[in-house]
Amino acid sequence: MTTASADPSASGAPTGTATDGALVLSGRLVLLMSVATGAIVANLYYAQPLLRQIARQFHASPGATSLVVTCTQVGYAAALLLVVPLGDISQRRRLVVAAYALAVATLAACALAPSLWLFELASVLTGLVSVGAQIMVPFAADLAAPARRGRVVARLMTGLISGILLARIISGLVAQVAGWRAIFWVSAGLMALLAVVLRVALPPDGPRPRVPYRELVASTLRLLAEEPRLRRRAWYGACAFGSFSVLWTSLSFLLSAPPYGYSSSVIGLFGLAGLAGVAAANLAGRMADGTGAAVSSAVTAALIAGSFALLVAGRTSVWALVAGIVVLDIGSQGLHITNQAVIYAVAPEARSRINSAYMTCYFVGGAAGSVAAGTIMGTVGWDGVCGLGAGFGVLALAITLVDRWRPPAPRRPPPGPRSDR
């Protein structure tokens, strides 16, 4: 395995020294990567607390407007399959900087969109370029010492989760002051700034192999087909993000209608309830560095399923609603971090493709949850939404229980390309 190398004089950021074949990251570089990861992934979530305003602007139904969330997730999932594997053969620093630069244009298109379908098209493109977050995470995993890999990944995921939470809060506040389009202009400026900073600060990769693109994508799909640990973790991830999307796609419609009738700024503040997910991410990362992945998976899946019992009562009780959001975020983020720590040990020479396969399934589950939630919210209502979310959690929990009694599958060599590193 050829590890990435750093030239501190070229990057301008101290990155540490090589230990056991891996580059030890400095705290400052990990912090920068964490902040940048949260900032770009936030672009997927700015619209969620604004769906009611967007529906009024374009005279659209809740079901049609909910497709905005689905569009970003579909774009993100497509890029996870088609773009993220390039990290195993291309310079990750260049891919990351290009993603942030392109996000400037797609966010400007969101801000200027004159119709719902054009806004949804711009949202697909924004989802595509926001995949820079998933190029950054395996990049950091490669740079980290093996004994600290779970914690480094957890730090970046803490930034990612914080970006998700702050996206909802900030977009609600900005929309209250300057209208719902303003947040996309603000984020476009932030992406431009980060593109410049990351170009200077990120260390360059070492030599990358030459592999045909078609073979690269095909090997990603073969990893999913042939590696049972990856398949199981992809299933857990799809269920976790499916339940997560069910809640956040529907929540703004619940909170903007009676008995609540909240403004977009107040709706955005509900993202603060997800801060518990940050603590869960760090705890899950530490457990996964040891031997607690199986226990963490079962507990977090049970929390996802159980959270919707509280969320049902949240139809009329704000305290039950907040408690349900807290429990759901702890469960979904904790399961996600456990999954990532496990899959990065599956095939170290193919981490970008492993991440691509896992995160594609993850966002397919999220897209399925948001589509179904928009339809059910408009027909059955909040109780139906909670039943759907609980169903995702039960599916994840069922597989964790099956795995407790099923013998582990033997380790298989990763599929080609064979010249990965």
Protein backbone atom coordinates (compact mmCIF):
# COMPACT_ATOMS: atom_id res chain seq x y z
CA MET A 1 0.00 0.00 0.00
CA THR A 2 1.44 3.37 -1.05
CA THR A 3 0.57 6.01 1.47
CA ALA A 4 0.02 9.66 0.83
CA SER A 5 2.91 11.94 1.51
CA ALA A 6 3.00 15.56 2.51
CA ASP A 7 5.31 18.42 1.72
CA PRO A 8 4.80 20.89 4.56
CA SER A 9 6.60 23.63 2.71
CA ALA A 10 4.25 23.24 -0.21
CA SER A 11 1.05 22.82 1.74
CA GLY A 12 1.62 25.49 4.34
CA ALA A 13 0.10 23.29 7.04
CA PRO A 14 1.95 21.07 9.48
CA THR A 15 0.88 17.49 8.97
CA GLY A 16 3.10 15.45 11.25
CA THR A 17 5.47 12.61 10.51
CA ALA A 18 5.10 9.15 9.06
CA THR A 19 4.53 6.34 11.53
CA ASP A 20 3.92 2.67 10.64
CA GLY A 21 3.39 3.57 6.99
CA ALA A 22 0.73 6.20 7.62
CA LEU A 23 0.90 9.94 7.91
CA VAL A 24 0.04 11.27 11.37
CA LEU A 25 -2.28 14.18 10.90
CA SER A 26 -1.87 17.37 12.86
CA GLY A 27 -4.79 18.58 14.91
CA ARG A 28 -5.07 21.74 12.81
CA LEU A 29 -5.30 19.86 9.54
CA VAL A 30 -7.91 17.46 10.92
CA LEU A 31 -9.90 20.48 12.16
CA LEU A 32 -9.74 22.15 8.74
CA MET A 33 -10.83 18.96 6.97
CA SER A 34 -13.65 18.53 9.48
CA VAL A 35 -14.94 22.09 9.00
CA ALA A 36 -14.69 21.84 5.21
CA THR A 37 -16.53 18.50 5.21
CA GLY A 38 -19.37 19.96 7.26
CA ALA A 39 -19.57 23.07 5.08
CA ILE A 40 -19.96 21.24 1.78
CA VAL A 41 -22.34 18.56 3.03
CA ALA A 42 -24.52 21.31 4.51
CA ASN A 43 -25.52 22.17 0.93
CA LEU A 44 -27.68 19.03 0.91
CA TYR A 45 -29.79 20.26 3.83
CA TYR A 46 -30.32 24.00 3.46
CA ALA A 47 -33.68 23.50 1.77
CA GLN A 48 -35.20 21.21 4.42
CA PRO A 49 -36.54 23.85 6.86
CA LEU A 50 -37.53 26.06 3.90
CA LEU A 51 -39.81 23.62 2.08
CA ARG A 52 -42.99 25.43 3.09
CA GLN A 53 -41.63 28.76 1.79
CA ILE A 54 -40.41 27.13 -1.41
CA ALA A 55 -43.83 25.52 -1.92
CA ARG A 56 -45.53 28.91 -1.56
CA GLN A 57 -43.04 30.58 -3.91
CA PHE A 58 -43.64 28.07 -6.69
CA HIS A 59 -47.31 27.28 -5.84
CA ALA A 60 -46.49 23.59 -5.38
CA SER A 61 -47.84 20.79 -3.19
CA PRO A 62 -45.92 19.27 -0.26
CA GLY A 63 -45.27 16.11 -2.25
CA ALA A 64 -43.84 17.99 -5.23
CA THR A 65 -41.74 20.28 -3.04
CA SER A 66 -40.35 17.36 -1.02
CA LEU A 67 -38.71 16.17 -4.24
CA VAL A 68 -36.17 18.98 -3.73
CA VAL A 69 -34.66 16.91 -0.91
CA THR A 70 -34.79 13.79 -3.05
CA CYS A 71 -33.07 15.55 -5.95
CA THR A 72 -30.04 16.50 -3.85
CA GLN A 73 -29.82 12.97 -2.50
CA VAL A 74 -30.11 11.41 -5.96
CA GLY A 75 -27.36 13.68 -7.27
CA TYR A 76 -25.20 12.83 -4.28
CA ALA A 77 -25.80 9.08 -4.68
CA ALA A 78 -24.91 9.22 -8.39
CA ALA A 79 -21.65 11.01 -7.62
CA LEU A 80 -20.86 8.52 -4.86
CA LEU A 81 -20.98 5.71 -7.42
CA LEU A 82 -19.39 7.52 -10.36
CA VAL A 83 -17.03 10.12 -8.85
CA VAL A 84 -15.81 8.94 -5.43
CA PRO A 85 -14.00 5.85 -6.84
CA LEU A 86 -11.72 8.26 -8.71
CA GLY A 87 -10.07 8.90 -5.34
CA ASP A 88 -8.29 5.53 -5.68
CA ILE A 89 -6.57 6.58 -8.93
CA SER A 90 -6.57 10.40 -8.95
CA GLN A 91 -5.08 13.10 -6.76
CA ARG A 92 -7.65 13.55 -4.00
CA ARG A 93 -6.58 17.12 -3.33
CA ARG A 94 -7.47 18.07 -6.92
CA LEU A 95 -10.81 16.27 -6.72
CA VAL A 96 -11.69 17.98 -3.45
CA VAL A 97 -10.77 21.48 -4.65
CA ALA A 98 -12.68 20.95 -7.93
CA ALA A 99 -15.80 19.91 -5.99
CA TYR A 100 -15.75 23.07 -3.88
CA ALA A 101 -15.17 25.28 -6.92
CA LEU A 102 -18.04 23.69 -8.88
CA ALA A 103 -20.34 24.05 -5.87
CA VAL A 104 -20.09 27.83 -6.26
CA ALA A 105 -21.81 27.60 -9.66
CA THR A 106 -24.50 25.10 -8.64
CA LEU A 107 -25.46 27.07 -5.53
CA ALA A 108 -25.74 30.24 -7.59
CA ALA A 109 -28.08 28.32 -9.91
CA CYS A 110 -30.23 27.36 -6.91
CA ALA A 111 -30.41 30.99 -5.81
CA LEU A 112 -31.46 32.17 -9.28
CA ALA A 113 -33.89 29.37 -10.24
CA PRO A 114 -37.16 30.88 -11.58
CA SER A 115 -39.24 27.67 -11.30
CA LEU A 116 -39.48 24.56 -9.15
CA TRP A 117 -38.20 22.19 -11.81
CA LEU A 118 -35.14 24.35 -12.46
CA PHE A 119 -34.52 24.57 -8.72
CA GLU A 120 -34.74 20.78 -8.52
CA LEU A 121 -32.31 20.44 -11.43
CA ALA A 122 -29.86 22.78 -9.70
CA SER A 123 -30.36 20.72 -6.54
CA VAL A 124 -29.33 17.55 -8.39
CA LEU A 125 -26.14 19.29 -9.53
CA THR A 126 -25.50 20.59 -6.01
CA GLY A 127 -25.82 17.04 -4.71
CA LEU A 128 -23.33 15.86 -7.33
CA VAL A 129 -20.59 18.30 -6.33
CA SER A 130 -21.25 18.02 -2.59
CA VAL A 131 -19.68 14.57 -2.84
CA GLY A 132 -16.40 16.31 -2.01
CA ALA A 133 -17.20 15.38 1.59
CA GLN A 134 -16.95 11.68 0.76
CA ILE A 135 -13.64 12.16 -1.03
CA MET A 136 -12.29 13.92 2.05
CA VAL A 137 -13.22 11.18 4.55
CA PRO A 138 -11.23 8.29 2.97
CA PHE A 139 -8.42 10.77 2.26
CA ALA A 140 -8.20 11.43 6.02
CA ALA A 141 -8.48 7.69 6.76
CA ASP A 142 -5.46 7.06 4.53
CA LEU A 143 -3.46 9.82 6.19
CA ALA A 144 -4.26 8.65 9.73
CA ALA A 145 -2.23 6.18 11.77
CA PRO A 146 -4.10 2.83 12.00
CA ALA A 147 -4.57 3.07 15.76
CA ARG A 148 -6.25 6.47 15.41
CA ARG A 149 -8.22 5.87 12.22
CA GLY A 150 -11.61 5.45 13.88
CA ARG A 151 -11.13 8.63 15.90
CA VAL A 152 -9.95 10.66 12.91
CA VAL A 153 -12.93 9.48 10.87
CA ALA A 154 -15.16 10.34 13.84
CA ARG A 155 -13.67 13.88 13.94
CA LEU A 156 -14.53 14.42 10.29
CA MET A 157 -17.95 12.93 10.83
CA THR A 158 -18.41 15.27 13.78
CA GLY A 159 -17.79 18.12 11.34
CA LEU A 160 -20.19 16.54 8.87
CA ILE A 161 -22.93 16.14 11.48
CA SER A 162 -22.36 19.68 12.72
CA GLY A 163 -22.69 20.90 9.14
CA ILE A 164 -26.02 19.13 8.81
CA LEU A 165 -27.29 20.64 12.06
CA LEU A 166 -26.03 24.15 11.35
CA ALA A 167 -27.40 24.00 7.81
CA ARG A 168 -30.95 23.80 9.10
CA ILE A 169 -30.42 26.43 11.79
CA ILE A 170 -28.58 28.95 9.61
CA SER A 171 -30.85 28.53 6.59
CA GLY A 172 -33.91 29.15 8.75
CA LEU A 173 -32.40 32.29 10.28
CA VAL A 174 -31.12 33.65 6.97
CA ALA A 175 -34.48 33.00 5.28
CA GLN A 176 -36.28 34.86 8.04
CA VAL A 177 -34.12 37.95 7.41
CA ALA A 178 -33.38 37.87 3.68
CA GLY A 179 -35.66 35.27 2.06
CA TRP A 180 -35.09 31.61 1.28
CA ARG A 181 -32.78 32.23 -1.71
CA ALA A 182 -30.17 34.12 0.32
CA ILE A 183 -28.67 31.05 2.01
CA PHE A 184 -27.53 29.70 -1.35
CA TRP A 185 -25.60 32.91 -2.07
CA VAL A 186 -23.99 32.73 1.38
CA SER A 187 -22.93 29.15 0.84
CA ALA A 188 -21.57 29.91 -2.64
CA GLY A 189 -19.22 32.47 -1.09
CA LEU A 190 -18.13 30.00 1.57
CA MET A 191 -17.39 27.32 -1.05
CA ALA A 192 -15.20 29.78 -2.99
CA LEU A 193 -13.20 30.59 0.15
CA LEU A 194 -12.73 26.93 1.09
CA ALA A 195 -11.62 25.99 -2.43
CA VAL A 196 -8.70 28.42 -2.05
CA VAL A 197 -7.81 27.37 1.52
CA LEU A 198 -7.92 23.64 0.78
CA ARG A 199 -5.77 24.05 -2.32
CA VAL A 200 -3.06 25.51 -0.08
CA ALA A 201 -3.46 23.35 3.03
CA LEU A 202 -4.15 19.79 1.88
CA PRO A 203 -1.12 17.54 1.39
CA PRO A 204 -0.63 16.00 -2.06
CA ASP A 205 -1.22 12.29 -2.59
CA GLY A 206 1.54 9.89 -3.45
CA PRO A 207 1.69 8.26 -6.91
CA ARG A 208 -1.67 6.89 -8.03
CA PRO A 209 -2.21 3.81 -10.23
CA ARG A 210 -3.44 3.93 -13.82
CA VAL A 211 -6.73 2.05 -14.04
CA PRO A 212 -9.45 2.39 -16.72
CA TYR A 213 -12.48 4.25 -15.39
CA ARG A 214 -14.92 1.52 -16.43
CA GLU A 215 -12.90 -1.09 -14.54
CA LEU A 216 -12.74 1.19 -11.53
CA VAL A 217 -16.53 1.56 -11.30
CA ALA A 218 -17.07 -2.14 -12.02
CA SER A 219 -14.69 -3.09 -9.20
CA THR A 220 -16.70 -0.85 -6.85
CA LEU A 221 -19.83 -2.83 -7.63
CA ARG A 222 -17.93 -6.12 -7.26
CA LEU A 223 -16.77 -5.08 -3.80
CA LEU A 224 -20.40 -4.68 -2.80
CA ALA A 225 -21.34 -8.02 -4.35
CA GLU A 226 -18.45 -10.05 -2.94
CA GLU A 227 -17.71 -8.55 0.48
CA PRO A 228 -20.41 -9.56 3.02
CA ARG A 229 -19.29 -7.10 5.71
CA LEU A 230 -19.67 -4.24 3.28
CA ARG A 231 -23.13 -5.43 2.19
CA ARG A 232 -24.37 -5.67 5.77
CA ARG A 233 -23.00 -2.25 6.66
CA ALA A 234 -24.53 -0.78 3.50
CA TRP A 235 -27.89 -2.21 4.56
CA TYR A 236 -27.57 -0.69 8.03
CA GLY A 237 -26.60 2.64 6.51
CA ALA A 238 -29.51 2.69 4.05
CA CYS A 239 -31.97 1.98 6.85
CA ALA A 240 -30.42 4.57 9.19
CA PHE A 241 -30.46 7.35 6.61
CA GLY A 242 -33.89 6.29 5.37
CA SER A 243 -35.37 6.89 8.82
CA PHE A 244 -33.38 10.12 9.21
CA SER A 245 -34.72 11.45 5.89
CA VAL A 246 -38.28 10.45 6.74
CA LEU A 247 -38.19 12.77 9.75
CA TRP A 248 -36.41 15.77 8.27
CA THR A 249 -38.32 15.77 4.98
CA SER A 250 -41.63 15.91 6.85
CA LEU A 251 -40.76 18.02 9.88
CA SER A 252 -41.07 21.47 8.32
CA PHE A 253 -44.60 20.69 7.15
CA LEU A 254 -45.60 19.55 10.65
CA LEU A 255 -44.04 22.53 12.41
CA SER A 256 -45.37 25.19 10.02
CA ALA A 257 -48.98 23.95 10.39
CA PRO A 258 -51.32 24.00 13.44
CA PRO A 259 -50.92 23.45 16.35
CA TYR A 260 -47.35 24.77 15.98
CA GLY A 261 -47.36 27.37 13.18
CA TYR A 262 -43.64 28.11 13.56
CA SER A 263 -41.59 30.39 11.31
CA SER A 264 -38.66 29.11 9.24
CA SER A 265 -36.16 30.46 11.79
CA VAL A 266 -37.80 28.53 14.64
CA ILE A 267 -38.05 25.37 12.51
CA GLY A 268 -34.34 25.61 11.77
CA LEU A 269 -33.55 25.75 15.49
CA PHE A 270 -34.89 22.21 15.87
CA GLY A 271 -31.60 21.13 14.34
CA LEU A 272 -30.01 21.87 17.73
CA ALA A 273 -31.74 18.76 19.05
CA GLY A 274 -29.40 16.77 16.85
CA LEU A 275 -26.29 17.86 18.77
CA ALA A 276 -26.56 14.58 20.65
CA GLY A 277 -25.59 12.90 17.39
CA VAL A 278 -22.17 14.55 17.61
CA ALA A 279 -21.48 12.89 20.97
CA ALA A 280 -22.76 9.59 19.58
CA ALA A 281 -20.36 9.87 16.62
CA ASN A 282 -17.31 10.22 18.86
CA LEU A 283 -18.42 7.41 21.19
CA ALA A 284 -19.13 5.09 18.26
CA GLY A 285 -15.73 5.90 16.77
CA ARG A 286 -13.97 4.92 19.99
CA MET A 287 -16.01 1.70 20.27
CA ALA A 288 -15.23 0.76 16.67
CA ASP A 289 -11.51 1.21 17.32
CA GLY A 290 -11.93 -1.59 19.83
CA THR A 291 -14.27 -4.57 19.68
CA GLY A 292 -17.64 -2.96 20.27
CA ALA A 293 -18.97 -2.64 16.70
CA ALA A 294 -21.57 -5.41 17.04
CA VAL A 295 -22.97 -4.03 20.30
CA SER A 296 -22.95 -0.47 18.96
CA SER A 297 -24.86 -1.58 15.85
CA ALA A 298 -27.63 -3.33 17.78
CA VAL A 299 -28.07 -0.53 20.32
CA THR A 300 -28.15 2.26 17.75
CA ALA A 301 -30.59 0.37 15.49
CA ALA A 302 -32.90 -0.11 18.48
CA LEU A 303 -32.71 3.62 19.23
CA ILE A 304 -33.71 4.45 15.65
CA ALA A 305 -36.76 2.19 15.82
CA GLY A 306 -37.77 3.38 19.29
CA SER A 307 -37.38 7.09 18.56
CA PHE A 308 -40.54 7.15 16.47
CA ALA A 309 -42.66 6.17 19.48
CA LEU A 310 -41.73 9.58 20.87
CA LEU A 311 -42.12 11.30 17.51
CA VAL A 312 -45.72 10.07 17.16
CA ALA A 313 -46.56 11.96 20.36
CA GLY A 314 -44.68 14.93 18.89
CA ARG A 315 -47.67 15.66 16.66
CA THR A 316 -49.06 17.71 19.56
CA SER A 317 -46.20 17.79 22.12
CA VAL A 318 -43.07 19.78 21.34
CA TRP A 319 -41.16 18.09 24.18
CA ALA A 320 -41.89 14.62 22.83
CA LEU A 321 -40.86 15.86 19.38
CA VAL A 322 -37.51 17.19 20.62
CA ALA A 323 -36.85 14.00 22.61
CA GLY A 324 -37.61 11.88 19.55
CA ILE A 325 -35.24 13.93 17.39
CA VAL A 326 -32.47 13.53 19.98
CA VAL A 327 -32.90 9.75 20.18
CA LEU A 328 -33.12 9.38 16.39
CA ASP A 329 -29.96 11.42 15.82
CA ILE A 330 -28.02 9.44 18.43
CA GLY A 331 -29.10 6.19 16.81
CA SER A 332 -28.63 7.11 13.15
CA GLN A 333 -25.30 8.92 13.54
CA GLY A 334 -23.92 6.30 15.92
CA LEU A 335 -24.78 3.49 13.49
CA HIS A 336 -23.32 5.41 10.56
CA ILE A 337 -19.97 6.00 12.31
CA THR A 338 -19.77 2.37 13.38
CA ASN A 339 -20.40 1.34 9.78
CA GLN A 340 -17.64 3.56 8.45
CA ALA A 341 -15.05 2.42 10.96
CA VAL A 342 -15.83 -1.21 10.03
CA ILE A 343 -15.81 -0.80 6.24
CA TYR A 344 -12.50 1.08 6.15
CA ALA A 345 -10.84 -2.08 7.52
CA VAL A 346 -12.35 -4.29 4.81
CA ALA A 347 -9.97 -3.41 1.96
CA PRO A 348 -7.47 -0.69 2.88
CA GLU A 349 -6.13 -0.57 -0.69
CA ALA A 350 -9.58 0.38 -2.03
CA ARG A 351 -10.97 2.80 0.55
CA SER A 352 -12.43 5.26 -1.94
CA ARG A 353 -14.34 2.48 -3.69
CA ILE A 354 -15.43 0.97 -0.38
CA ASN A 355 -16.73 4.38 0.67
CA SER A 356 -18.38 4.82 -2.73
CA ALA A 357 -20.27 1.52 -2.50
CA TYR A 358 -21.37 2.12 1.09
CA MET A 359 -22.41 5.74 0.68
CA THR A 360 -24.29 5.07 -2.56
CA CYS A 361 -26.48 2.59 -0.69
CA TYR A 362 -26.70 5.04 2.22
CA PHE A 363 -28.10 7.83 0.06
CA VAL A 364 -30.34 5.52 -1.95
CA GLY A 365 -31.95 4.68 1.39
CA GLY A 366 -32.22 8.38 2.20
CA ALA A 367 -33.78 9.17 -1.19
CA ALA A 368 -36.30 6.35 -0.73
CA GLY A 369 -37.18 7.69 2.70
CA SER A 370 -37.68 11.26 1.51
CA VAL A 371 -39.82 10.26 -1.50
CA ALA A 372 -42.02 8.01 0.62
CA ALA A 373 -42.26 10.58 3.43
CA GLY A 374 -43.42 13.34 1.08
CA THR A 375 -46.16 11.11 -0.31
CA ILE A 376 -47.29 9.75 3.05
CA MET A 377 -47.27 13.17 4.74
CA GLY A 378 -49.59 14.50 2.06
CA THR A 379 -52.00 11.54 2.30
CA VAL A 380 -51.84 9.71 5.65
CA GLY A 381 -50.24 12.43 7.78
CA TRP A 382 -47.73 12.48 10.61
CA ASP A 383 -48.69 9.11 12.11
CA GLY A 384 -48.00 7.41 8.79
CA VAL A 385 -44.64 9.16 8.54
CA CYS A 386 -43.65 7.87 11.98
CA GLY A 387 -44.71 4.34 11.06
CA LEU A 388 -42.51 4.52 7.97
CA GLY A 389 -39.51 5.78 9.94
CA ALA A 390 -39.91 3.10 12.59
CA GLY A 391 -40.04 0.48 9.83
CA PHE A 392 -36.58 1.46 8.61
CA GLY A 393 -35.23 1.11 12.14
CA VAL A 394 -36.84 -2.31 12.63
CA LEU A 395 -35.27 -3.55 9.38
CA ALA A 396 -31.81 -2.51 10.60
CA LEU A 397 -32.37 -4.05 14.04
CA ALA A 398 -33.55 -7.34 12.53
CA ILE A 399 -30.31 -7.77 10.57
CA THR A 400 -28.15 -6.98 13.61
CA LEU A 401 -29.96 -9.73 15.53
CA VAL A 402 -29.55 -12.21 12.66
CA ASP A 403 -25.83 -11.41 12.55
CA ARG A 404 -25.48 -12.24 16.26
CA TRP A 405 -26.20 -15.91 15.50
CA ARG A 406 -24.76 -16.19 12.00
CA PRO A 407 -21.09 -17.23 11.76
CA PRO A 408 -18.85 -14.56 10.20
CA ALA A 409 -18.07 -14.94 6.51
CA PRO A 410 -14.45 -15.63 5.55
CA ARG A 411 -12.35 -12.68 4.42
CA ARG A 412 -12.15 -12.46 0.62
CA PRO A 413 -9.45 -10.68 -1.33
CA PRO A 414 -10.76 -7.42 -2.79
CA PRO A 415 -11.71 -7.53 -6.46
CA GLY A 416 -9.61 -5.75 -9.08
CA PRO A 417 -8.20 -3.52 -10.22
CA ARG A 418 -5.12 -5.26 -8.80
CA SER A 419 -2.81 -2.28 -9.15
CA ASP A 420 -4.70 -0.17 -6.63
CA ARG A 421 -1.75 1.26 -4.80
